[in-house]
Amino acid sequence: MAIICFLLRAKFIFFYAHFIGFMENILEVDSINKSFGEKKILTDVFLRCEVGDVIGVFGSNGSGKSTLLKIIYGTLQAENKFIRLNNKVTNEAYKIKNGIAYLPQQHFIPTNLTVQKVITLSINPNKKDEFLRDAMINSIIDSKIGSLSGGELKYLHVKLILFSEAHFCLLDEPYSGISPIIAALINHQIAAQSKTKGIIIADHHYAYLLEIATKLYLLKDGVGKFIQHQAELITSGYLKKGMLTE
């Protein structure tokens, strides 16, 4: 009887610890206000992301998509913001170890390095074999960054961010300037890594984003909200009738 009680207690402790650890991996964003001069960009924006979420951020040009990601990451100040990452309130989320990885629109890898060198410097050795099980990566492994095509470079950038140790990834315009084939490869990587991460994607290529997003978030007139159905992208005025295929 004592052994049974011990085993039950051990099992409870294991699952409780696992549950608590999972629950800690939450990104909460609230009360974000941002203006540029007299123009109000974001007003009391709220967003919550958990491990397993792929949140697609939609909005017209100038709606504040990129601004929101930079504020969350901590590299752009706001008039007001509340950000809590893994139960820690922070103004500089990028400083929290294994907290958030951010893909900016600009390329950030030195052009004189080889792909192999970048992988060695960037990827945890325990993940390297998984990273390299990729036909695209192996086709460019010996190439220098400066010789890659735009699509190859974007794919490498996105995959490096997704394979980081961070619990959350912010991807700004990951589909910009790439072919449908590369977009499909990127979405495959997002789907695979979202099993252990929360991912927020801002992009104006709505079709690629709709293919992978598990939650839809719309920014309009400075206000953000989660929407339940793709059709709301039309009724809100973001998309025109006939632009959805569902």
C-alpha atoms as a PDB file:
ATOM      1  CA  MET A   1       0.000   0.000   0.000  1.00  0.00           C
ATOM      2  CA  ALA A   2       2.828   2.355   0.896  1.00  0.00           C
ATOM      3  CA  ILE A   3       4.482   1.669  -2.464  1.00  0.00           C
ATOM      4  CA  ILE A   4       1.244   2.425  -4.314  1.00  0.00           C
ATOM      5  CA  CYS A   5       0.838   5.700  -2.424  1.00  0.00           C
ATOM      6  CA  PHE A   6       4.437   6.626  -3.202  1.00  0.00           C
ATOM      7  CA  LEU A   7       3.974   5.918  -6.911  1.00  0.00           C
ATOM      8  CA  LEU A   8       0.729   7.887  -7.044  1.00  0.00           C
ATOM      9  CA  ARG A   9       2.367  10.822  -5.284  1.00  0.00           C
ATOM     10  CA  ALA A  10       5.358  10.723  -7.624  1.00  0.00           C
ATOM     11  CA  LYS A  11       3.038  10.619 -10.639  1.00  0.00           C
ATOM     12  CA  PHE A  12       1.052  13.573  -9.297  1.00  0.00           C
ATOM     13  CA  ILE A  13       4.212  15.603  -8.675  1.00  0.00           C
ATOM     14  CA  PHE A  14       5.469  14.853 -12.191  1.00  0.00           C
ATOM     15  CA  PHE A  15       2.264  15.928 -13.910  1.00  0.00           C
ATOM     16  CA  TYR A  16       1.844  18.959 -11.630  1.00  0.00           C
ATOM     17  CA  ALA A  17       5.378  20.130 -12.380  1.00  0.00           C
ATOM     18  CA  HIS A  18       4.796  19.568 -16.083  1.00  0.00           C
ATOM     19  CA  PHE A  19       1.509  21.483 -15.919  1.00  0.00           C
ATOM     20  CA  ILE A  20       3.031  24.410 -14.025  1.00  0.00           C
ATOM     21  CA  GLY A  21       5.992  24.542 -16.396  1.00  0.00           C
ATOM     22  CA  PHE A  22       3.658  24.597 -19.379  1.00  0.00           C
ATOM     23  CA  MET A  23       1.454  27.269 -17.867  1.00  0.00           C
ATOM     24  CA  GLU A  24       4.461  29.498 -17.253  1.00  0.00           C
ATOM     25  CA  ASN A  25       5.122  29.676 -20.990  1.00  0.00           C
ATOM     26  CA  ILE A  26       2.632  32.455 -21.649  1.00  0.00           C
ATOM     27  CA  LEU A  27       3.156  35.823 -23.305  1.00  0.00           C
ATOM     28  CA  GLU A  28       0.671  38.488 -22.219  1.00  0.00           C
ATOM     29  CA  VAL A  29       0.505  41.911 -23.851  1.00  0.00           C
ATOM     30  CA  ASP A  30      -1.892  44.568 -22.595  1.00  0.00           C
ATOM     31  CA  SER A  31      -2.644  48.298 -22.675  1.00  0.00           C
ATOM     32  CA  ILE A  32      -0.225  49.100 -25.493  1.00  0.00           C
ATOM     33  CA  ASN A  33      -0.500  52.674 -26.717  1.00  0.00           C
ATOM     34  CA  LYS A  34       1.783  54.054 -29.393  1.00  0.00           C
ATOM     35  CA  SER A  35       1.768  57.246 -31.428  1.00  0.00           C
ATOM     36  CA  PHE A  36       4.105  58.737 -34.005  1.00  0.00           C
ATOM     37  CA  GLY A  37       3.709  62.475 -33.668  1.00  0.00           C
ATOM     38  CA  GLU A  38       0.010  63.273 -33.775  1.00  0.00           C
ATOM     39  CA  LYS A  39      -0.888  59.936 -35.371  1.00  0.00           C
ATOM     40  CA  LYS A  40      -2.202  57.273 -33.014  1.00  0.00           C
ATOM     41  CA  ILE A  41      -0.994  53.850 -34.179  1.00  0.00           C
ATOM     42  CA  LEU A  42      -2.005  51.495 -31.355  1.00  0.00           C
ATOM     43  CA  THR A  43      -4.690  52.034 -28.726  1.00  0.00           C
ATOM     44  CA  ASP A  44      -5.016  49.785 -25.654  1.00  0.00           C
ATOM     45  CA  VAL A  45      -3.891  46.740 -27.618  1.00  0.00           C
ATOM     46  CA  PHE A  46      -4.252  43.366 -25.890  1.00  0.00           C
ATOM     47  CA  LEU A  47      -2.836  40.034 -27.017  1.00  0.00           C
ATOM     48  CA  ARG A  48      -2.138  36.690 -25.352  1.00  0.00           C
ATOM     49  CA  CYS A  49      -0.007  33.892 -26.801  1.00  0.00           C
ATOM     50  CA  GLU A  50       0.626  30.422 -25.413  1.00  0.00           C
ATOM     51  CA  VAL A  51       2.848  27.558 -26.506  1.00  0.00           C
ATOM     52  CA  GLY A  52       1.113  25.884 -29.437  1.00  0.00           C
ATOM     53  CA  ASP A  53      -0.428  29.105 -30.750  1.00  0.00           C
ATOM     54  CA  VAL A  54       0.339  30.427 -34.212  1.00  0.00           C
ATOM     55  CA  ILE A  55      -1.209  33.883 -34.174  1.00  0.00           C
ATOM     56  CA  GLY A  56      -1.613  35.604 -37.514  1.00  0.00           C
ATOM     57  CA  VAL A  57      -1.639  39.403 -37.223  1.00  0.00           C
ATOM     58  CA  PHE A  58      -3.581  41.017 -40.057  1.00  0.00           C
ATOM     59  CA  GLY A  59      -3.934  44.674 -40.937  1.00  0.00           C
ATOM     60  CA  SER A  60      -3.488  47.121 -43.777  1.00  0.00           C
ATOM     61  CA  ASN A  61      -0.186  48.899 -44.411  1.00  0.00           C
ATOM     62  CA  GLY A  62       0.479  51.330 -41.581  1.00  0.00           C
ATOM     63  CA  SER A  63      -1.908  49.579 -39.183  1.00  0.00           C
ATOM     64  CA  GLY A  64       0.875  48.932 -36.667  1.00  0.00           C
ATOM     65  CA  LYS A  65       1.730  45.261 -37.215  1.00  0.00           C
ATOM     66  CA  SER A  66       5.511  45.711 -37.226  1.00  0.00           C
ATOM     67  CA  THR A  67       5.275  48.365 -34.530  1.00  0.00           C
ATOM     68  CA  LEU A  68       3.435  45.927 -32.266  1.00  0.00           C
ATOM     69  CA  LEU A  69       6.090  43.229 -32.667  1.00  0.00           C
ATOM     70  CA  LYS A  70       8.917  45.669 -31.914  1.00  0.00           C
ATOM     71  CA  ILE A  71       7.128  46.897 -28.781  1.00  0.00           C
ATOM     72  CA  ILE A  72       6.556  43.336 -27.583  1.00  0.00           C
ATOM     73  CA  TYR A  73      10.205  42.468 -28.190  1.00  0.00           C
ATOM     74  CA  GLY A  74      11.290  45.575 -26.310  1.00  0.00           C
ATOM     75  CA  THR A  75      13.287  47.462 -28.934  1.00  0.00           C
ATOM     76  CA  LEU A  76      10.628  50.136 -29.492  1.00  0.00           C
ATOM     77  CA  GLN A  77       9.207  52.221 -26.675  1.00  0.00           C
ATOM     78  CA  ALA A  78       5.501  52.911 -26.243  1.00  0.00           C
ATOM     79  CA  GLU A  79       3.589  55.562 -24.312  1.00  0.00           C
ATOM     80  CA  ASN A  80       2.126  52.743 -22.280  1.00  0.00           C
ATOM     81  CA  LYS A  81       2.492  48.973 -22.246  1.00  0.00           C
ATOM     82  CA  PHE A  82       2.218  45.946 -19.986  1.00  0.00           C
ATOM     83  CA  ILE A  83       4.111  42.843 -21.030  1.00  0.00           C
ATOM     84  CA  ARG A  84       4.419  39.682 -18.978  1.00  0.00           C
ATOM     85  CA  LEU A  85       6.565  36.830 -20.239  1.00  0.00           C
ATOM     86  CA  ASN A  86       6.642  33.543 -18.349  1.00  0.00           C
ATOM     87  CA  ASN A  87       5.211  35.293 -15.271  1.00  0.00           C
ATOM     88  CA  LYS A  88       7.814  38.073 -15.425  1.00  0.00           C
ATOM     89  CA  VAL A  89       6.715  41.647 -16.080  1.00  0.00           C
ATOM     90  CA  THR A  90       9.230  43.268 -18.422  1.00  0.00           C
ATOM     91  CA  ASN A  91       9.871  46.293 -20.611  1.00  0.00           C
ATOM     92  CA  GLU A  92      12.738  44.542 -22.403  1.00  0.00           C
ATOM     93  CA  ALA A  93      11.561  41.041 -23.251  1.00  0.00           C
ATOM     94  CA  TYR A  94      14.597  40.425 -25.448  1.00  0.00           C
ATOM     95  CA  LYS A  95      16.768  40.344 -22.316  1.00  0.00           C
ATOM     96  CA  ILE A  96      14.919  37.392 -20.779  1.00  0.00           C
ATOM     97  CA  LYS A  97      16.838  34.170 -21.363  1.00  0.00           C
ATOM     98  CA  ASN A  98      15.025  31.797 -23.714  1.00  0.00           C
ATOM     99  CA  GLY A  99      12.137  34.254 -23.799  1.00  0.00           C
ATOM    100  CA  ILE A 100      11.515  35.728 -27.241  1.00  0.00           C
ATOM    101  CA  ALA A 101      13.249  35.440 -30.608  1.00  0.00           C
ATOM    102  CA  TYR A 102      12.475  38.091 -33.206  1.00  0.00           C
ATOM    103  CA  LEU A 103      12.722  38.019 -36.986  1.00  0.00           C
ATOM    104  CA  PRO A 104      13.027  41.609 -38.274  1.00  0.00           C
ATOM    105  CA  GLN A 105      12.274  42.570 -41.853  1.00  0.00           C
ATOM    106  CA  GLN A 106      15.957  43.351 -42.449  1.00  0.00           C
ATOM    107  CA  HIS A 107      18.547  40.628 -42.998  1.00  0.00           C
ATOM    108  CA  PHE A 108      20.834  40.200 -39.989  1.00  0.00           C
ATOM    109  CA  ILE A 109      23.388  37.495 -40.906  1.00  0.00           C
ATOM    110  CA  PRO A 110      26.900  38.657 -41.958  1.00  0.00           C
ATOM    111  CA  THR A 111      27.259  38.046 -45.689  1.00  0.00           C
ATOM    112  CA  ASN A 112      30.836  36.724 -45.503  1.00  0.00           C
ATOM    113  CA  LEU A 113      29.909  33.664 -43.412  1.00  0.00           C
ATOM    114  CA  THR A 114      28.985  30.281 -44.845  1.00  0.00           C
ATOM    115  CA  VAL A 115      25.631  28.704 -44.048  1.00  0.00           C
ATOM    116  CA  GLN A 116      27.485  25.899 -42.265  1.00  0.00           C
ATOM    117  CA  LYS A 117      29.287  28.405 -40.023  1.00  0.00           C
ATOM    118  CA  VAL A 118      26.076  30.259 -39.209  1.00  0.00           C
ATOM    119  CA  ILE A 119      24.371  27.013 -38.190  1.00  0.00           C
ATOM    120  CA  THR A 120      27.326  26.026 -36.002  1.00  0.00           C
ATOM    121  CA  LEU A 121      27.294  29.413 -34.269  1.00  0.00           C
ATOM    122  CA  SER A 122      23.522  29.661 -33.883  1.00  0.00           C
ATOM    123  CA  ILE A 123      21.982  26.243 -33.295  1.00  0.00           C
ATOM    124  CA  ASN A 124      22.088  24.200 -30.102  1.00  0.00           C
ATOM    125  CA  PRO A 125      24.206  21.088 -30.832  1.00  0.00           C
ATOM    126  CA  ASN A 126      21.323  18.937 -29.598  1.00  0.00           C
ATOM    127  CA  LYS A 127      19.137  20.368 -32.378  1.00  0.00           C
ATOM    128  CA  LYS A 128      21.723  20.451 -35.138  1.00  0.00           C
ATOM    129  CA  ASP A 129      20.921  17.041 -36.636  1.00  0.00           C
ATOM    130  CA  GLU A 130      17.223  17.935 -36.809  1.00  0.00           C
ATOM    131  CA  PHE A 131      18.059  21.307 -38.366  1.00  0.00           C
ATOM    132  CA  LEU A 132      20.147  19.625 -41.049  1.00  0.00           C
ATOM    133  CA  ARG A 133      17.471  17.089 -42.015  1.00  0.00           C
ATOM    134  CA  ASP A 134      16.349  19.527 -44.677  1.00  0.00           C
ATOM    135  CA  ALA A 135      16.934  19.323 -48.434  1.00  0.00           C
ATOM    136  CA  MET A 136      16.870  23.102 -48.836  1.00  0.00           C
ATOM    137  CA  ILE A 137      19.463  23.667 -46.105  1.00  0.00           C
ATOM    138  CA  ASN A 138      21.731  20.919 -47.418  1.00  0.00           C
ATOM    139  CA  SER A 139      21.611  22.389 -50.913  1.00  0.00           C
ATOM    140  CA  ILE A 140      23.103  25.669 -49.633  1.00  0.00           C
ATOM    141  CA  ILE A 141      25.188  24.394 -46.703  1.00  0.00           C
ATOM    142  CA  ASP A 142      28.567  25.321 -48.240  1.00  0.00           C
ATOM    143  CA  SER A 143      27.418  28.627 -49.743  1.00  0.00           C
ATOM    144  CA  LYS A 144      28.225  32.049 -48.369  1.00  0.00           C
ATOM    145  CA  ILE A 145      25.318  34.096 -47.093  1.00  0.00           C
ATOM    146  CA  GLY A 146      26.010  36.801 -49.665  1.00  0.00           C
ATOM    147  CA  SER A 147      25.524  34.359 -52.550  1.00  0.00           C
ATOM    148  CA  LEU A 148      22.077  33.088 -51.508  1.00  0.00           C
ATOM    149  CA  SER A 149      18.912  33.986 -53.365  1.00  0.00           C
ATOM    150  CA  GLY A 150      16.296  36.080 -51.583  1.00  0.00           C
ATOM    151  CA  GLY A 151      14.122  33.040 -50.938  1.00  0.00           C
ATOM    152  CA  GLU A 152      16.987  30.897 -49.661  1.00  0.00           C
ATOM    153  CA  LEU A 153      18.126  33.664 -47.340  1.00  0.00           C
ATOM    154  CA  LYS A 154      14.633  34.295 -45.979  1.00  0.00           C
ATOM    155  CA  TYR A 155      14.106  30.568 -45.358  1.00  0.00           C
ATOM    156  CA  LEU A 156      17.395  30.345 -43.462  1.00  0.00           C
ATOM    157  CA  HIS A 157      16.559  33.417 -41.364  1.00  0.00           C
ATOM    158  CA  VAL A 158      13.140  32.048 -40.413  1.00  0.00           C
ATOM    159  CA  LYS A 159      14.432  28.584 -39.578  1.00  0.00           C
ATOM    160  CA  LEU A 160      17.229  29.968 -37.388  1.00  0.00           C
ATOM    161  CA  ILE A 161      14.667  31.937 -35.375  1.00  0.00           C
ATOM    162  CA  LEU A 162      12.303  28.967 -35.080  1.00  0.00           C
ATOM    163  CA  PHE A 163      15.127  26.693 -33.888  1.00  0.00           C
ATOM    164  CA  SER A 164      16.289  29.145 -31.224  1.00  0.00           C
ATOM    165  CA  GLU A 165      15.889  28.277 -27.549  1.00  0.00           C
ATOM    166  CA  ALA A 166      13.175  30.919 -27.113  1.00  0.00           C
ATOM    167  CA  HIS A 167       9.681  29.913 -26.003  1.00  0.00           C
ATOM    168  CA  PHE A 168       8.137  32.524 -28.312  1.00  0.00           C
ATOM    169  CA  CYS A 169       8.954  33.696 -31.831  1.00  0.00           C
ATOM    170  CA  LEU A 170       7.909  36.967 -33.460  1.00  0.00           C
ATOM    171  CA  LEU A 171       8.092  36.857 -37.261  1.00  0.00           C
ATOM    172  CA  ASP A 172       7.817  40.141 -39.140  1.00  0.00           C
ATOM    173  CA  GLU A 173       7.042  39.694 -42.859  1.00  0.00           C
ATOM    174  CA  PRO A 174       8.442  36.145 -43.220  1.00  0.00           C
ATOM    175  CA  TYR A 175       6.719  35.724 -46.614  1.00  0.00           C
ATOM    176  CA  SER A 176       8.005  38.935 -48.175  1.00  0.00           C
ATOM    177  CA  GLY A 177       9.769  38.499 -51.514  1.00  0.00           C
ATOM    178  CA  ILE A 178       9.568  34.694 -51.709  1.00  0.00           C
ATOM    179  CA  SER A 179       7.974  32.115 -54.002  1.00  0.00           C
ATOM    180  CA  PRO A 180       4.979  29.937 -53.068  1.00  0.00           C
ATOM    181  CA  ILE A 181       7.362  26.966 -52.758  1.00  0.00           C
ATOM    182  CA  ILE A 182       9.496  28.739 -50.148  1.00  0.00           C
ATOM    183  CA  ALA A 183       6.357  29.950 -48.358  1.00  0.00           C
ATOM    184  CA  ALA A 184       5.157  26.350 -48.104  1.00  0.00           C
ATOM    185  CA  LEU A 185       8.529  25.266 -46.684  1.00  0.00           C
ATOM    186  CA  ILE A 186       8.393  28.080 -44.129  1.00  0.00           C
ATOM    187  CA  ASN A 187       4.876  27.085 -43.072  1.00  0.00           C
ATOM    188  CA  HIS A 188       6.030  23.488 -42.665  1.00  0.00           C
ATOM    189  CA  GLN A 189       8.742  24.660 -40.260  1.00  0.00           C
ATOM    190  CA  ILE A 190       6.306  26.903 -38.373  1.00  0.00           C
ATOM    191  CA  ALA A 191       3.858  24.021 -37.921  1.00  0.00           C
ATOM    192  CA  ALA A 192       6.587  21.718 -36.625  1.00  0.00           C
ATOM    193  CA  GLN A 193       8.122  24.198 -34.174  1.00  0.00           C
ATOM    194  CA  SER A 194       4.773  25.469 -32.869  1.00  0.00           C
ATOM    195  CA  LYS A 195       4.435  22.217 -30.934  1.00  0.00           C
ATOM    196  CA  THR A 196       6.899  23.614 -28.394  1.00  0.00           C
ATOM    197  CA  LYS A 197       6.659  27.376 -29.013  1.00  0.00           C
ATOM    198  CA  GLY A 198       4.186  30.205 -29.312  1.00  0.00           C
ATOM    199  CA  ILE A 199       4.526  32.034 -32.629  1.00  0.00           C
ATOM    200  CA  ILE A 200       3.199  35.444 -33.683  1.00  0.00           C
ATOM    201  CA  ILE A 201       3.381  36.345 -37.383  1.00  0.00           C
ATOM    202  CA  ALA A 202       2.717  39.726 -38.977  1.00  0.00           C
ATOM    203  CA  ASP A 203       2.524  39.746 -42.764  1.00  0.00           C
ATOM    204  CA  HIS A 204       0.443  41.289 -45.553  1.00  0.00           C
ATOM    205  CA  HIS A 205       0.528  38.038 -47.556  1.00  0.00           C
ATOM    206  CA  TYR A 206      -2.739  36.963 -45.983  1.00  0.00           C
ATOM    207  CA  ALA A 207      -3.168  33.705 -47.949  1.00  0.00           C
ATOM    208  CA  TYR A 208       0.074  32.167 -46.644  1.00  0.00           C
ATOM    209  CA  LEU A 209      -0.753  33.363 -43.154  1.00  0.00           C
ATOM    210  CA  LEU A 210      -4.255  31.898 -43.212  1.00  0.00           C
ATOM    211  CA  GLU A 211      -2.806  28.512 -44.161  1.00  0.00           C
ATOM    212  CA  ILE A 212      -0.853  28.243 -40.904  1.00  0.00           C
ATOM    213  CA  ALA A 213      -2.465  30.508 -38.284  1.00  0.00           C
ATOM    214  CA  THR A 214      -4.407  28.829 -35.481  1.00  0.00           C
ATOM    215  CA  LYS A 215      -5.678  32.197 -34.236  1.00  0.00           C
ATOM    216  CA  LEU A 216      -6.500  35.341 -36.212  1.00  0.00           C
ATOM    217  CA  TYR A 217      -5.785  38.815 -34.855  1.00  0.00           C
ATOM    218  CA  LEU A 218      -6.874  41.958 -36.683  1.00  0.00           C
ATOM    219  CA  LEU A 219      -5.459  45.455 -36.253  1.00  0.00           C
ATOM    220  CA  LYS A 220      -7.737  48.212 -37.515  1.00  0.00           C
ATOM    221  CA  ASP A 221      -7.851  51.902 -36.637  1.00  0.00           C
ATOM    222  CA  GLY A 222      -5.298  51.297 -33.882  1.00  0.00           C
ATOM    223  CA  VAL A 223      -7.393  48.662 -32.126  1.00  0.00           C
ATOM    224  CA  GLY A 224      -6.586  44.950 -32.058  1.00  0.00           C
ATOM    225  CA  LYS A 225      -8.945  42.034 -31.591  1.00  0.00           C
ATOM    226  CA  PHE A 226      -9.049  38.279 -32.058  1.00  0.00           C
ATOM    227  CA  ILE A 227     -11.555  37.154 -34.673  1.00  0.00           C
ATOM    228  CA  GLN A 228     -13.204  33.747 -34.874  1.00  0.00           C
ATOM    229  CA  HIS A 229     -13.821  33.367 -38.601  1.00  0.00           C
ATOM    230  CA  GLN A 230     -11.909  34.282 -41.747  1.00  0.00           C
ATOM    231  CA  ALA A 231     -15.044  35.936 -43.126  1.00  0.00           C
ATOM    232  CA  GLU A 232     -14.590  38.691 -40.541  1.00  0.00           C
ATOM    233  CA  LEU A 233     -11.548  39.809 -42.526  1.00  0.00           C
ATOM    234  CA  ILE A 234     -14.032  40.751 -45.248  1.00  0.00           C
ATOM    235  CA  THR A 235     -16.770  42.237 -43.076  1.00  0.00           C
ATOM    236  CA  SER A 236     -14.135  44.357 -41.324  1.00  0.00           C
ATOM    237  CA  GLY A 237     -13.035  45.788 -44.655  1.00  0.00           C
ATOM    238  CA  TYR A 238      -9.517  44.308 -44.548  1.00  0.00           C
ATOM    239  CA  LEU A 239     -10.196  42.000 -47.510  1.00  0.00           C
ATOM    240  CA  LYS A 240     -12.597  42.352 -50.417  1.00  0.00           C
ATOM    241  CA  LYS A 241     -15.245  39.795 -51.333  1.00  0.00           C
ATOM    242  CA  GLY A 242     -13.845  36.922 -53.355  1.00  0.00           C
ATOM    243  CA  MET A 243     -10.370  37.123 -51.811  1.00  0.00           C
ATOM    244  CA  LEU A 244     -10.947  34.152 -49.495  1.00  0.00           C
ATOM    245  CA  THR A 245     -10.970  30.557 -50.685  1.00  0.00           C
ATOM    246  CA  GLU A 246     -12.575  28.895 -47.649  1.00  0.00           C
END
